[in-house]
Protein backbone atom coordinates (compact mmCIF):
# COMPACT_ATOMS: atom_id res chain seq x y z
CA UNK A 1 -22.84 6.34 -10.82
CA UNK A 2 -25.66 7.12 -8.49
CA UNK A 3 -26.06 4.14 -7.39
CA UNK A 4 -22.55 3.35 -6.55
CA UNK A 5 -22.99 6.65 -4.63
CA UNK A 6 -25.59 5.34 -2.53
CA UNK A 7 -23.86 2.09 -1.22
CA UNK A 8 -20.24 4.02 -0.20
CA UNK A 9 -22.97 6.39 1.18
CA UNK A 10 -24.12 3.78 3.74
CA UNK A 11 -20.50 2.12 3.93
CA UNK A 12 -19.55 5.45 5.17
CA UNK A 13 -22.83 5.76 7.90
CA UNK A 14 -21.90 2.19 9.00
CA UNK A 15 -18.10 3.54 9.51
CA UNK A 16 -18.96 7.25 10.72
CA UNK A 17 -21.03 4.82 13.30
CA UNK A 18 -19.52 2.12 14.09
CA UNK A 19 -16.46 5.34 15.36
CA UNK A 20 -19.13 6.82 17.45
CA UNK A 21 -20.05 3.56 20.07
CA UNK A 22 -20.42 3.77 23.43
CA UNK A 23 -18.46 0.30 24.76
CA UNK A 24 -21.35 -1.05 26.04
CA UNK A 25 -22.26 -1.59 22.03
CA UNK A 26 -19.23 -2.65 21.31
CA UNK A 27 -19.32 -5.50 22.95
CA UNK A 28 -22.86 -6.80 22.54
CA UNK A 29 -21.60 -5.97 18.42
CA UNK A 30 -18.07 -8.11 19.05
CA UNK A 31 -20.16 -10.51 21.24
CA UNK A 32 -22.72 -11.28 18.97
CA UNK A 33 -20.11 -12.29 15.88
CA UNK A 34 -18.34 -14.07 18.48
CA UNK A 35 -21.16 -16.42 18.82
CA UNK A 36 -22.55 -16.74 15.59
CA UNK A 37 -19.05 -18.20 13.81
CA UNK A 38 -18.11 -21.75 14.76
CA UNK A 39 -15.04 -22.91 12.80
CA UNK A 40 -16.93 -26.08 10.80
CA UNK A 41 -14.02 -29.20 11.29
CA UNK A 42 -15.60 -29.82 7.74
CA UNK A 43 -14.60 -26.77 6.24
CA UNK A 44 -11.60 -25.34 7.41
CA UNK A 45 -11.06 -21.34 6.75
CA UNK A 46 -8.61 -21.41 3.29
CA UNK A 47 -7.14 -17.85 3.61
CA UNK A 48 -7.34 -16.37 0.69
CA UNK A 49 -4.19 -13.59 0.05
CA UNK A 50 -6.29 -10.28 0.57
CA UNK A 51 -6.48 -11.85 4.14
CA UNK A 52 -2.85 -13.43 4.58
CA UNK A 53 -1.93 -10.07 3.63
CA UNK A 54 -4.17 -7.92 5.54
CA UNK A 55 -2.42 -9.97 8.64
CA UNK A 56 0.58 -8.36 7.57
CA UNK A 57 -0.48 -4.98 7.96
CA UNK A 58 -2.19 -5.25 11.00
CA UNK A 59 1.11 -6.61 12.12
CA UNK A 60 3.23 -3.78 10.70
CA UNK A 61 0.44 -0.89 11.82
CA UNK A 62 0.76 -2.96 15.87
CA UNK A 63 4.63 -2.21 14.75
CA UNK A 64 4.42 1.42 14.22
CA UNK A 65 1.80 2.25 17.08
CA UNK A 66 4.68 1.13 19.02
CA UNK A 67 7.07 2.82 18.08
CA UNK A 68 5.40 5.74 17.83
CA UNK A 69 2.16 5.27 19.62
CA UNK A 70 -1.05 4.69 18.57
CA UNK A 71 -2.68 7.72 16.20
CA UNK A 72 -6.25 6.79 15.02
CA UNK A 73 -6.47 9.56 12.46
CA UNK A 74 -3.06 8.59 10.80
CA UNK A 75 -3.36 4.61 11.71
CA UNK A 76 -6.73 4.92 9.44
CA UNK A 77 -5.05 6.76 6.48
CA UNK A 78 -2.45 3.97 6.26
CA UNK A 79 -4.45 1.12 6.69
CA UNK A 80 -7.45 2.91 3.74
CA UNK A 81 -4.43 3.37 1.79
CA UNK A 82 -2.98 -0.05 1.87
CA UNK A 83 -6.57 -1.56 1.19
CA UNK A 84 -6.77 0.58 -1.81
CA UNK A 85 -4.11 -0.18 -3.26
CA UNK A 86 -5.46 -4.28 -2.52
CA UNK A 87 -8.34 -3.49 -4.22
CA UNK A 88 -6.92 -1.66 -7.55
CA UNK A 89 -4.85 -4.82 -8.27
CA UNK A 90 -7.39 -6.96 -8.07
CA UNK A 91 -9.74 -5.09 -10.04
CA UNK A 92 -7.63 -4.87 -13.12
CA UNK A 93 -7.99 -9.09 -13.04
CA UNK A 94 -11.43 -8.59 -12.73
CA UNK A 95 -14.37 -8.34 -15.67
CA UNK A 96 -15.92 -5.54 -14.44
CA UNK A 97 -14.38 -3.66 -11.08
CA UNK A 98 -12.82 -0.55 -11.94
CA UNK A 99 -9.47 0.73 -9.73
CA UNK A 100 -10.14 4.00 -7.89
CA UNK A 101 -6.76 6.03 -9.28
CA UNK A 102 -6.64 4.28 -12.61
CA UNK A 103 -10.78 2.98 -13.39
CA UNK A 104 -10.04 0.51 -16.07
CA UNK A 105 -6.71 1.29 -17.44
CA UNK A 106 -5.26 -1.85 -16.15
CA UNK A 107 -7.90 -4.02 -16.63
CA UNK A 108 -5.94 -7.65 -18.11
CA UNK A 109 -7.72 -10.27 -20.69
CA UNK A 110 -9.33 -12.65 -19.64
CA UNK A 111 -6.18 -14.93 -19.66
CA UNK A 112 -4.27 -13.56 -17.78
CA UNK A 113 -7.14 -13.58 -15.22
CA UNK A 114 -5.57 -16.42 -13.06
CA UNK A 115 -5.91 -16.70 -9.20
CA UNK A 116 -1.98 -16.62 -9.01
CA UNK A 117 -1.61 -13.34 -11.03
CA UNK A 118 -3.97 -12.56 -8.80
CA UNK A 119 -2.63 -12.87 -5.84
CA UNK A 120 0.95 -12.08 -6.85
CA UNK A 121 -0.64 -8.44 -8.10
CA UNK A 122 -2.06 -8.23 -4.42
CA UNK A 123 1.34 -8.58 -2.91
CA UNK A 124 3.21 -6.09 -4.88
CA UNK A 125 0.35 -3.63 -4.37
CA UNK A 126 0.03 -4.09 -0.64
CA UNK A 127 3.50 -4.16 -0.01
CA UNK A 128 4.18 -1.10 -2.10
CA UNK A 129 1.34 0.58 -0.28
CA UNK A 130 3.19 -0.32 3.17
CA UNK A 131 6.55 0.17 1.90
CA UNK A 132 5.07 4.33 1.56
CA UNK A 133 3.55 4.17 4.99
CA UNK A 134 5.59 2.12 6.76
CA UNK A 135 9.29 2.78 5.62
CA UNK A 136 10.68 2.03 9.04
CA UNK A 137 10.14 -1.30 8.22
CA UNK A 138 11.77 -2.32 5.33
CA UNK A 139 13.12 -4.95 6.09
CA UNK A 140 10.50 -6.86 7.76
CA UNK A 141 8.79 -5.88 4.85
CA UNK A 142 11.49 -7.47 2.30
CA UNK A 143 11.46 -10.32 4.62
CA UNK A 144 7.57 -10.78 4.95
CA UNK A 145 7.53 -10.75 0.57
CA UNK A 146 10.93 -13.20 0.16
CA UNK A 147 8.97 -15.37 2.83
CA UNK A 148 6.17 -15.47 0.04
CA UNK A 149 8.31 -16.59 -2.76
CA UNK A 150 8.47 -12.55 -4.03
CA UNK A 151 11.10 -10.41 -5.15
CA UNK A 152 10.65 -7.16 -3.30
CA UNK A 153 13.16 -5.50 -5.11
CA UNK A 154 11.01 -6.27 -8.33
CA UNK A 155 9.96 -2.90 -9.59
CA UNK A 156 8.29 -3.63 -12.65
CA UNK A 157 6.25 -1.20 -14.84
CA UNK A 158 5.36 -4.29 -17.17
CA UNK A 159 1.45 -4.54 -16.80
CA UNK A 160 1.81 -7.87 -18.72
CA UNK A 161 3.12 -8.50 -15.91
CA UNK A 162 1.24 -9.06 -11.71
CA UNK A 163 3.97 -7.10 -9.84
CA UNK A 164 3.74 -4.39 -12.84
CA UNK A 165 0.03 -4.55 -12.45
CA UNK A 166 0.48 -4.11 -8.37
CA UNK A 167 3.76 -1.85 -8.96
CA UNK A 168 1.84 0.76 -11.10
CA UNK A 169 -1.05 0.80 -9.03
CA UNK A 170 -0.15 1.26 -5.69
CA UNK A 171 1.88 3.87 -7.20
CA UNK A 172 -0.99 5.89 -8.14
CA UNK A 173 -2.27 5.31 -4.61
CA UNK A 174 0.52 6.46 -3.46
CA UNK A 175 1.12 9.62 -5.43
CA UNK A 176 -2.73 10.82 -5.31
CA UNK A 177 -2.61 10.98 -1.05
CA UNK A 178 1.26 12.08 -1.02
CA UNK A 179 -1.20 15.59 -1.19
CA UNK A 180 -4.13 14.50 0.20
CA UNK A 181 -3.50 17.17 2.85
CA UNK A 182 -2.83 14.30 5.76
CA UNK A 183 0.74 16.03 5.36
CA UNK A 184 2.41 12.58 5.53
CA UNK A 185 5.89 14.09 3.51
CA UNK A 186 5.55 17.19 6.36
CA UNK A 187 6.13 19.27 2.98
CA UNK A 188 2.88 21.63 3.57
CA UNK A 189 3.12 25.14 3.79
CA UNK A 190 3.10 26.34 6.89
CA UNK A 191 3.67 23.18 8.65
CA UNK A 192 7.38 22.49 10.60
CA UNK A 193 8.91 19.91 8.56
CA UNK A 194 7.56 16.57 10.15
CA UNK A 195 5.59 14.14 8.87
CA UNK A 196 1.92 14.30 9.25
CA UNK A 197 2.16 17.96 11.62
CA UNK A 198 -0.51 20.75 11.59
CA UNK A 199 0.17 23.48 9.57
CA UNK A 200 -3.26 25.11 9.97
CA UNK A 201 -1.78 26.70 12.73
CA UNK A 202 -4.08 25.87 15.22
CA UNK A 203 -4.02 26.51 19.29
CA UNK A 204 -6.15 25.56 22.11
CA UNK A 205 -8.82 27.61 23.80
CA UNK A 206 -7.59 26.85 26.76
CA UNK A 207 -4.70 25.89 28.32
CA UNK A 208 -3.41 23.92 30.60
CA UNK A 209 -4.23 25.16 33.79
CA UNK A 210 -6.72 28.10 32.85
CA UNK A 211 -10.80 27.96 31.54
CA UNK A 212 -11.30 30.62 28.89
CA UNK A 213 -14.53 28.25 27.41
CA UNK A 214 -15.41 25.32 29.45
CA UNK A 215 -17.27 23.97 25.46
CA UNK A 216 -13.95 23.76 24.15
CA UNK A 217 -11.45 21.18 24.35
CA UNK A 218 -8.92 21.67 26.90
CA UNK A 219 -5.01 19.84 27.17
CA UNK A 220 -4.60 17.61 30.37
CA UNK A 221 -1.18 16.68 31.65
CA UNK A 222 -0.85 13.10 31.85
CA UNK A 223 1.50 10.62 33.38
CA UNK A 224 3.20 8.04 30.94
CA UNK A 225 4.16 4.98 31.37
CA UNK A 226 8.05 5.68 32.06
CA UNK A 227 7.21 7.98 34.66
CA UNK A 228 7.44 11.28 32.60
CA UNK A 229 4.89 13.73 32.31
CA UNK A 230 2.95 15.53 29.82
CA UNK A 231 -0.03 17.19 28.20
CA UNK A 232 -0.71 15.61 24.65
CA UNK A 233 -1.62 18.11 22.21
CA UNK A 234 -4.87 18.26 19.20
CA UNK A 235 -2.71 14.63 17.12
CA UNK A 236 -4.02 16.16 14.02
CA UNK A 237 -6.10 19.41 14.02
CA UNK A 238 -5.60 19.74 10.38
CA UNK A 239 -7.59 16.10 8.89
CA UNK A 240 -10.46 18.11 8.10
CA UNK A 241 -8.45 19.22 4.99
CA UNK A 242 -7.78 15.97 4.11
CA UNK A 243 -9.56 14.19 1.21
CA UNK A 244 -12.57 11.74 1.88
CA UNK A 245 -13.43 8.20 -0.02
CA UNK A 246 -15.67 8.24 -2.33
CA UNK A 247 -17.26 10.70 -0.21
CA UNK A 248 -18.06 14.52 -2.47
CA UNK A 249 -16.65 17.07 1.05
CA UNK A 250 -14.80 16.10 3.73
CA UNK A 251 -18.19 17.56 5.94
CA UNK A 252 -20.50 15.74 3.90
CA UNK A 253 -21.07 13.10 7.49
CA UNK A 254 -19.39 15.90 9.97
CA UNK A 255 -21.84 15.05 13.34
CA UNK A 256 -23.66 17.76 15.01
CA UNK A 257 -21.98 20.11 17.64
CA UNK A 258 -22.23 18.42 21.08
CA UNK A 259 -23.94 19.54 24.03
CA UNK A 260 -23.10 22.62 25.79
CA UNK A 261 -21.57 22.41 29.46
CA UNK A 262 -24.78 22.71 32.06
CA UNK A 263 -26.86 21.52 29.21
CA UNK A 264 -29.62 18.80 30.20
CA UNK A 265 -28.57 16.60 27.12
CA UNK A 266 -25.31 16.55 28.29
CA UNK A 267 -26.25 15.48 31.93
CA UNK A 268 -28.76 12.63 29.98
CA UNK A 269 -25.82 11.88 28.50
CA UNK A 270 -22.92 11.95 31.09
CA UNK A 271 -25.45 10.02 33.22
CA UNK A 272 -25.37 6.91 30.52
CA UNK A 273 -22.74 6.74 29.65
CA UNK A 274 -21.65 6.33 33.89
CA UNK A 275 -24.01 3.68 33.98
CA UNK A 276 -23.36 1.71 31.04
CA UNK A 277 -19.69 1.57 32.61
CA UNK A 278 -20.84 0.69 36.17
CA UNK A 279 -22.57 -2.57 34.54
CA UNK A 280 -20.37 -4.13 32.37
CA UNK A 281 -19.99 -7.53 32.70
CA UNK A 282 -16.92 -9.73 33.14
CA UNK A 283 -16.83 -9.89 29.21
CA UNK A 284 -18.12 -6.64 28.18
CA UNK A 285 -15.31 -5.25 30.22
CA UNK A 286 -12.56 -7.74 28.56
CA UNK A 287 -13.85 -6.96 25.03
CA UNK A 288 -13.89 -3.31 25.83
CA UNK A 289 -10.13 -3.81 26.75
CA UNK A 290 -9.99 -4.97 23.04
CA UNK A 291 -11.33 -2.02 21.19
CA UNK A 292 -9.25 -0.03 23.50
CA UNK A 293 -6.38 -1.46 22.49
CA UNK A 294 -5.93 -5.09 21.63
CA UNK A 295 -3.49 -7.55 22.27
CA UNK A 296 -1.30 -5.61 19.49
CA UNK A 297 -2.22 -2.34 19.07
CA UNK A 298 -3.64 -1.60 15.70
CA UNK A 299 -6.27 1.21 16.59
CA UNK A 300 -10.21 1.62 15.86
CA UNK A 301 -9.48 0.73 11.97
CA UNK A 302 -7.06 -2.43 12.81
CA UNK A 303 -10.56 -3.74 15.14
CA UNK A 304 -12.80 -3.61 12.31
CA UNK A 305 -10.84 -5.08 10.16
CA UNK A 306 -10.10 -7.53 12.77
CA UNK A 307 -14.23 -7.96 12.42
CA UNK A 308 -14.15 -8.41 9.43
CA UNK A 309 -11.86 -11.07 9.14
CA UNK A 310 -13.89 -12.98 11.57
CA UNK A 311 -16.66 -12.43 9.11
CA UNK A 312 -14.38 -14.16 6.68
CA UNK A 313 -14.09 -17.16 8.03
CA UNK A 314 -16.88 -17.59 8.80
CA UNK A 315 -18.62 -16.97 5.20
CA UNK A 316 -17.89 -19.72 3.14
CA UNK A 317 -17.84 -17.63 0.49
CA UNK A 318 -15.93 -15.37 1.57
CA UNK A 319 -12.59 -17.28 1.74
CA UNK A 320 -12.01 -16.71 -2.24
CA UNK A 321 -11.57 -13.62 -2.90
CA UNK A 322 -12.52 -13.46 -6.31
CA UNK A 323 -15.84 -14.40 -4.63
CA UNK A 324 -15.76 -11.36 -1.78
CA UNK A 325 -13.18 -9.12 -2.95
CA UNK A 326 -15.23 -5.99 -0.80
CA UNK A 327 -14.62 -8.28 2.82
CA UNK A 328 -12.59 -6.68 4.49
CA UNK A 329 -11.27 -4.17 1.42
CA UNK A 330 -14.17 -1.92 1.61
CA UNK A 331 -13.13 -1.38 5.13
CA UNK A 332 -9.90 0.43 4.82
CA UNK A 333 -11.01 3.69 2.90
CA UNK A 334 -14.86 3.81 5.38
CA UNK A 335 -12.73 4.32 8.27
CA UNK A 336 -10.68 7.69 6.85
CA UNK A 337 -14.01 8.84 6.00
CA UNK A 338 -14.71 8.16 9.79
CA UNK A 339 -11.60 10.08 11.03
CA UNK A 340 -12.13 13.04 8.69
CA UNK A 341 -15.27 13.53 9.05
CA UNK A 342 -15.14 13.20 13.06
CA UNK A 343 -12.45 15.37 13.30
CA UNK A 344 -13.68 17.89 11.03
CA UNK A 345 -16.49 18.37 13.55
CA UNK A 346 -13.80 18.79 16.13
CA UNK A 347 -11.68 21.58 14.83
CA UNK A 348 -14.87 23.72 14.55
CA UNK A 349 -15.51 22.82 18.51
CA UNK A 350 -12.13 22.82 20.00
């Protein structure tokens, strides 16, 4: 258990660091990844079930962002739920791996640990998880299942069948996350009844036209694409209450407070960011645009899962989910921890 927690801690630190990197450093990382990923004609990439369903999940995320607009905190949680359900279904067919919710209770005998069973279990677990977080896309998701030869209406919980394993694994994750503090169902006491709404009665210190404390956040008026103006509020003030993945508590990796207005540290940091921004090369500018929104917006969480797919294409072992089950599955849960850690720190400062 100690070893497991140390591994998880390292993953969380990586996730938290990646969220805070400046665009300059992001461009270096992506540029190096692309440069070292030549496609081999001798070893074409074969998409695993995990890889293929991640593509579906990212497209569903992009569709959700188009309907609602990107919500980094909410989006990271959506992808974490999907990736966790996917992993838990796969773990049932591994000799040693255990699920995040049901431990080893879904373990299947060696005779059932076939590639076909794993692929079907992954398909149903992923589908059920996506159906929960992307309910508006029910018809589209059903189509994705049928296109791959699966019956979306099969809701069996018979563990002797791979679809039953997938359905049960997803249900356990979904039920746990329905009460994780994110207010997905809009049923938290103090909320307004809308999904993901705040229930902590947060109010900004500063108003749109008046600053009472320069070290606190101020809502700013924007002009949107349709010509209308508005001042978006704090997206998810309650996110510090969301249960993290594998961490002992939400504030375990909470960052320190930002430098105060007028301090030398703040002056240095602002100048540093301005210098990076003013000296970006054309390639770096293009990568920054990708990190900001991408060709199909999936948020930062989705972008880092895209990077994981790039690694999967580069590394031969990762083409087989049996050999590389946590690439890119581990990235999903780690991203929700990043948003929880940063939002818990933000809440203290806003």
